[in-house]
C-alpha atoms as a PDB file:
ATOM      1  CA  UNK A   1      -0.192  -0.105  -0.147  1.00  0.00           C
ATOM      2  CA  UNK A   2       1.019   3.054  -0.706  1.00  0.00           C
ATOM      3  CA  UNK A   3       0.230   6.323   0.986  1.00  0.00           C
ATOM      4  CA  UNK A   4      -0.581   9.406  -0.118  1.00  0.00           C
ATOM      5  CA  UNK A   5       1.657  11.838   1.855  1.00  0.00           C
ATOM      6  CA  UNK A   6      -0.194  15.057  -0.245  1.00  0.00           C
ATOM      7  CA  UNK A   7      -2.317  15.758   2.671  1.00  0.00           C
ATOM      8  CA  UNK A   8       0.008  15.524   4.838  1.00  0.00           C
ATOM      9  CA  UNK A   9       1.841  17.854   3.316  1.00  0.00           C
ATOM     10  CA  UNK A  10      -0.874  20.394   2.089  1.00  0.00           C
ATOM     11  CA  UNK A  11      -1.619  20.309   6.560  1.00  0.00           C
ATOM     12  CA  UNK A  12       1.812  20.990   6.993  1.00  0.00           C
ATOM     13  CA  UNK A  13       1.717  24.039   4.919  1.00  0.00           C
ATOM     14  CA  UNK A  14      -1.151  25.501   5.904  1.00  0.00           C
ATOM     15  CA  UNK A  15       0.518  25.329  10.068  1.00  0.00           C
ATOM     16  CA  UNK A  16       3.334  26.713   8.969  1.00  0.00           C
ATOM     17  CA  UNK A  17       1.328  30.035   6.324  1.00  0.00           C
ATOM     18  CA  UNK A  18      -0.480  30.366  10.160  1.00  0.00           C
ATOM     19  CA  UNK A  19       2.051  30.220  12.325  1.00  0.00           C
ATOM     20  CA  UNK A  20       3.949  33.019  13.819  1.00  0.00           C
ATOM     21  CA  UNK A  21       6.392  35.384  11.716  1.00  0.00           C
ATOM     22  CA  UNK A  22       9.529  35.903  12.265  1.00  0.00           C
ATOM     23  CA  UNK A  23      10.346  39.903  12.836  1.00  0.00           C
ATOM     24  CA  UNK A  24      12.745  41.330   9.768  1.00  0.00           C
ATOM     25  CA  UNK A  25      16.308  41.198  10.658  1.00  0.00           C
ATOM     26  CA  UNK A  26      16.111  45.050  12.396  1.00  0.00           C
ATOM     27  CA  UNK A  27      18.869  47.180  11.205  1.00  0.00           C
ATOM     28  CA  UNK A  28      22.080  47.501  13.262  1.00  0.00           C
ATOM     29  CA  UNK A  29      23.662  50.322  12.984  1.00  0.00           C
ATOM     30  CA  UNK A  30      27.424  49.329  13.395  1.00  0.00           C
ATOM     31  CA  UNK A  31      29.470  51.952  14.944  1.00  0.00           C
ATOM     32  CA  UNK A  32      33.329  52.259  13.442  1.00  0.00           C
ATOM     33  CA  UNK A  33      35.908  52.196  16.008  1.00  0.00           C
ATOM     34  CA  UNK A  34      36.567  56.068  15.312  1.00  0.00           C
ATOM     35  CA  UNK A  35      33.613  57.139  15.448  1.00  0.00           C
ATOM     36  CA  UNK A  36      33.497  55.065  18.608  1.00  0.00           C
ATOM     37  CA  UNK A  37      36.009  56.229  19.699  1.00  0.00           C
ATOM     38  CA  UNK A  38      35.366  60.350  18.935  1.00  0.00           C
ATOM     39  CA  UNK A  39      32.297  59.927  21.204  1.00  0.00           C
ATOM     40  CA  UNK A  40      34.546  57.801  24.448  1.00  0.00           C
ATOM     41  CA  UNK A  41      36.723  61.065  23.969  1.00  0.00           C
ATOM     42  CA  UNK A  42      33.747  63.040  23.638  1.00  0.00           C
ATOM     43  CA  UNK A  43      31.902  61.838  26.916  1.00  0.00           C
ATOM     44  CA  UNK A  44      35.532  62.006  29.302  1.00  0.00           C
ATOM     45  CA  UNK A  45      36.033  65.470  28.069  1.00  0.00           C
ATOM     46  CA  UNK A  46      32.159  66.803  29.303  1.00  0.00           C
ATOM     47  CA  UNK A  47      32.965  65.199  32.793  1.00  0.00           C
ATOM     48  CA  UNK A  48      36.222  66.382  32.983  1.00  0.00           C
ATOM     49  CA  UNK A  49      34.910  70.122  32.242  1.00  0.00           C
ATOM     50  CA  UNK A  50      32.764  69.479  34.461  1.00  0.00           C
ATOM     51  CA  UNK A  51      34.841  68.277  37.374  1.00  0.00           C
ATOM     52  CA  UNK A  52      37.125  71.521  37.153  1.00  0.00           C
ATOM     53  CA  UNK A  53      34.226  73.883  36.947  1.00  0.00           C
ATOM     54  CA  UNK A  54      33.761  72.370  40.724  1.00  0.00           C
ATOM     55  CA  UNK A  55      36.594  71.986  41.897  1.00  0.00           C
ATOM     56  CA  UNK A  56      37.826  76.093  40.122  1.00  0.00           C
ATOM     57  CA  UNK A  57      34.276  77.504  41.512  1.00  0.00           C
ATOM     58  CA  UNK A  58      35.525  75.663  45.667  1.00  0.00           C
ATOM     59  CA  UNK A  59      38.792  76.997  44.710  1.00  0.00           C
ATOM     60  CA  UNK A  60      37.222  80.343  44.555  1.00  0.00           C
ATOM     61  CA  UNK A  61      34.964  79.792  47.363  1.00  0.00           C
ATOM     62  CA  UNK A  62      38.098  79.207  50.042  1.00  0.00           C
ATOM     63  CA  UNK A  63      40.323  82.009  48.268  1.00  0.00           C
ATOM     64  CA  UNK A  64      37.209  84.341  48.809  1.00  0.00           C
ATOM     65  CA  UNK A  65      37.102  83.205  52.674  1.00  0.00           C
ATOM     66  CA  UNK A  66      40.694  83.260  53.265  1.00  0.00           C
ATOM     67  CA  UNK A  67      40.588  87.031  51.455  1.00  0.00           C
ATOM     68  CA  UNK A  68      37.466  87.540  53.839  1.00  0.00           C
ATOM     69  CA  UNK A  69      39.764  86.110  56.757  1.00  0.00           C
ATOM     70  CA  UNK A  70      42.990  88.138  56.136  1.00  0.00           C
ATOM     71  CA  UNK A  71      40.983  91.609  56.202  1.00  0.00           C
ATOM     72  CA  UNK A  72      39.892  90.581  59.725  1.00  0.00           C
ATOM     73  CA  UNK A  73      42.976  89.584  61.191  1.00  0.00           C
ATOM     74  CA  UNK A  74      45.183  92.818  59.507  1.00  0.00           C
ATOM     75  CA  UNK A  75      42.135  94.612  61.378  1.00  0.00           C
ATOM     76  CA  UNK A  76      42.961  93.155  64.501  1.00  0.00           C
ATOM     77  CA  UNK A  77      46.197  93.063  64.613  1.00  0.00           C
ATOM     78  CA  UNK A  78      46.493  97.228  63.552  1.00  0.00           C
ATOM     79  CA  UNK A  79      43.969  97.428  66.429  1.00  0.00           C
ATOM     80  CA  UNK A  80      45.807  95.968  68.713  1.00  0.00           C
ATOM     81  CA  UNK A  81      48.847  98.191  67.598  1.00  0.00           C
ATOM     82  CA  UNK A  82      46.508 101.113  68.753  1.00  0.00           C
ATOM     83  CA  UNK A  83      45.865  99.805  71.615  1.00  0.00           C
ATOM     84  CA  UNK A  84      49.338  99.375  72.669  1.00  0.00           C
ATOM     85  CA  UNK A  85      49.771 103.242  71.504  1.00  0.00           C
ATOM     86  CA  UNK A  86      47.037 103.610  73.506  1.00  0.00           C
ATOM     87  CA  UNK A  87      47.747 102.339  76.944  1.00  0.00           C
ATOM     88  CA  UNK A  88      51.386 103.897  76.138  1.00  0.00           C
ATOM     89  CA  UNK A  89      49.783 107.435  76.199  1.00  0.00           C
ATOM     90  CA  UNK A  90      48.104 107.244  78.805  1.00  0.00           C
ATOM     91  CA  UNK A  91      51.012 106.228  80.837  1.00  0.00           C
ATOM     92  CA  UNK A  92      52.941 109.324  79.050  1.00  0.00           C
ATOM     93  CA  UNK A  93      53.447 113.244  80.821  1.00  0.00           C
ATOM     94  CA  UNK A  94      52.064 115.903  78.739  1.00  0.00           C
ATOM     95  CA  UNK A  95      55.111 117.198  77.799  1.00  0.00           C
ATOM     96  CA  UNK A  96      56.340 114.135  76.117  1.00  0.00           C
ATOM     97  CA  UNK A  97      52.604 113.849  74.522  1.00  0.00           C
ATOM     98  CA  UNK A  98      54.196 114.677  70.549  1.00  0.00           C
ATOM     99  CA  UNK A  99      55.973 111.198  70.067  1.00  0.00           C
ATOM    100  CA  UNK A 100      52.868 109.115  71.063  1.00  0.00           C
ATOM    101  CA  UNK A 101      50.361 111.136  69.082  1.00  0.00           C
ATOM    102  CA  UNK A 102      53.028 111.003  66.060  1.00  0.00           C
ATOM    103  CA  UNK A 103      52.451 106.616  66.715  1.00  0.00           C
ATOM    104  CA  UNK A 104      48.921 107.740  66.718  1.00  0.00           C
ATOM    105  CA  UNK A 105      48.804 109.227  63.312  1.00  0.00           C
ATOM    106  CA  UNK A 106      51.303 106.427  62.189  1.00  0.00           C
ATOM    107  CA  UNK A 107      49.079 103.354  63.518  1.00  0.00           C
ATOM    108  CA  UNK A 108      45.659 105.252  61.769  1.00  0.00           C
ATOM    109  CA  UNK A 109      47.277 106.262  58.524  1.00  0.00           C
ATOM    110  CA  UNK A 110      48.246 102.658  58.285  1.00  0.00           C
ATOM    111  CA  UNK A 111      45.122 101.818  59.138  1.00  0.00           C
ATOM    112  CA  UNK A 112      43.075 104.221  56.359  1.00  0.00           C
ATOM    113  CA  UNK A 113      45.665 102.489  53.886  1.00  0.00           C
ATOM    114  CA  UNK A 114      44.816  99.117  54.856  1.00  0.00           C
ATOM    115  CA  UNK A 115      42.451  97.436  52.083  1.00  0.00           C
ATOM    116  CA  UNK A 116      38.462  96.132  52.942  1.00  0.00           C
ATOM    117  CA  UNK A 117      35.586  94.934  51.338  1.00  0.00           C
ATOM    118  CA  UNK A 118      32.077  96.171  52.183  1.00  0.00           C
ATOM    119  CA  UNK A 119      32.234  95.008  55.914  1.00  0.00           C
ATOM    120  CA  UNK A 120      35.435  95.333  57.101  1.00  0.00           C
ATOM    121  CA  UNK A 121      34.935  98.838  54.990  1.00  0.00           C
ATOM    122  CA  UNK A 122      32.195  99.979  58.087  1.00  0.00           C
ATOM    123  CA  UNK A 123      34.496  98.250  60.872  1.00  0.00           C
ATOM    124  CA  UNK A 124      37.411 100.342  59.575  1.00  0.00           C
ATOM    125  CA  UNK A 125      35.625 103.816  59.574  1.00  0.00           C
ATOM    126  CA  UNK A 126      34.236 102.979  63.180  1.00  0.00           C
ATOM    127  CA  UNK A 127      37.766 102.593  64.064  1.00  0.00           C
ATOM    128  CA  UNK A 128      39.440 105.488  62.166  1.00  0.00           C
ATOM    129  CA  UNK A 129      36.595 107.830  64.122  1.00  0.00           C
ATOM    130  CA  UNK A 130      38.009 106.141  67.007  1.00  0.00           C
ATOM    131  CA  UNK A 131      41.756 107.182  66.147  1.00  0.00           C
ATOM    132  CA  UNK A 132      40.599 110.815  65.181  1.00  0.00           C
ATOM    133  CA  UNK A 133      38.928 111.550  68.595  1.00  0.00           C
ATOM    134  CA  UNK A 134      41.514 110.197  70.135  1.00  0.00           C
ATOM    135  CA  UNK A 135      44.007 111.649  68.565  1.00  0.00           C
ATOM    136  CA  UNK A 136      42.089 115.071  69.048  1.00  0.00           C
ATOM    137  CA  UNK A 137      42.024 114.632  72.369  1.00  0.00           C
ATOM    138  CA  UNK A 138      45.772 114.255  72.873  1.00  0.00           C
ATOM    139  CA  UNK A 139      46.279 116.978  71.646  1.00  0.00           C
ATOM    140  CA  UNK A 140      44.116 118.707  73.274  1.00  0.00           C
ATOM    141  CA  UNK A 141      45.514 117.383  76.480  1.00  0.00           C
ATOM    142  CA  UNK A 142      49.638 118.614  74.863  1.00  0.00           C
ATOM    143  CA  UNK A 143      48.221 121.778  75.534  1.00  0.00           C
ATOM    144  CA  UNK A 144      46.068 122.125  78.506  1.00  0.00           C
ATOM    145  CA  UNK A 145      47.784 122.731  81.617  1.00  0.00           C
ATOM    146  CA  UNK A 146      47.042 120.839  85.105  1.00  0.00           C
ATOM    147  CA  UNK A 147      44.767 118.663  85.168  1.00  0.00           C
ATOM    148  CA  UNK A 148      42.739 117.380  81.844  1.00  0.00           C
ATOM    149  CA  UNK A 149      39.766 119.431  81.465  1.00  0.00           C
ATOM    150  CA  UNK A 150      36.154 117.749  80.328  1.00  0.00           C
ATOM    151  CA  UNK A 151      36.576 118.348  76.459  1.00  0.00           C
ATOM    152  CA  UNK A 152      40.008 115.563  76.164  1.00  0.00           C
ATOM    153  CA  UNK A 153      38.079 113.062  78.418  1.00  0.00           C
ATOM    154  CA  UNK A 154      34.751 113.555  76.958  1.00  0.00           C
ATOM    155  CA  UNK A 155      36.495 113.155  72.977  1.00  0.00           C
ATOM    156  CA  UNK A 156      38.353 109.974  74.984  1.00  0.00           C
ATOM    157  CA  UNK A 157      35.084 108.309  76.478  1.00  0.00           C
ATOM    158  CA  UNK A 158      33.454 109.237  72.839  1.00  0.00           C
ATOM    159  CA  UNK A 159      36.574 107.165  70.936  1.00  0.00           C
ATOM    160  CA  UNK A 160      36.405 104.581  73.430  1.00  0.00           C
ATOM    161  CA  UNK A 161      32.207 104.262  72.643  1.00  0.00           C
ATOM    162  CA  UNK A 162      33.733 104.302  68.514  1.00  0.00           C
ATOM    163  CA  UNK A 163      36.174 102.021  69.049  1.00  0.00           C
ATOM    164  CA  UNK A 164      33.911  99.059  71.019  1.00  0.00           C
ATOM    165  CA  UNK A 165      31.594  99.769  67.731  1.00  0.00           C
ATOM    166  CA  UNK A 166      35.116  98.319  65.770  1.00  0.00           C
ATOM    167  CA  UNK A 167      35.719  96.035  68.041  1.00  0.00           C
ATOM    168  CA  UNK A 168      31.843  94.268  67.785  1.00  0.00           C
ATOM    169  CA  UNK A 169      31.213  95.008  63.730  1.00  0.00           C
ATOM    170  CA  UNK A 170      34.690  92.768  63.358  1.00  0.00           C
ATOM    171  CA  UNK A 171      34.184  89.819  64.052  1.00  0.00           C
ATOM    172  CA  UNK A 172      30.990  89.831  61.823  1.00  0.00           C
ATOM    173  CA  UNK A 173      33.189  89.876  58.737  1.00  0.00           C
ATOM    174  CA  UNK A 174      34.650  86.715  58.620  1.00  0.00           C
END
């Protein structure tokens, strides 16, 4: 007996036609080695630029802080020198006060020549005003006879208040 394979073949053909169809192969764009290297280099350069920007910003911030600290420290050191001269003046007799006044004028000129920012500029102005009042008081004291007048004492007291303002302002400038 001979079998007829034709119906079986037809059935297989129908099943094959009805089954899931394979998707056409996706087009894969091949990247050349040169393109890949350029893309990698561009990505690396972008990351390096970003890191450099962050580093530069941190450096500039630290630099600004260092400058503020230096301005404050310079004024504080000048304030200490000023107080040393004032203490010397308090121990100096009327006849010898000229030398102390010259020292005061020297410290005042030094302070007024110092670089400042907005905050330390205000503190320096208070300090300079206190210095001017103190120098005026000692000039007046130099010309008086006998006990110091109320005017020179008042100027010294006023200078102390002004100097206290400087001392209150300066730490806030850090």
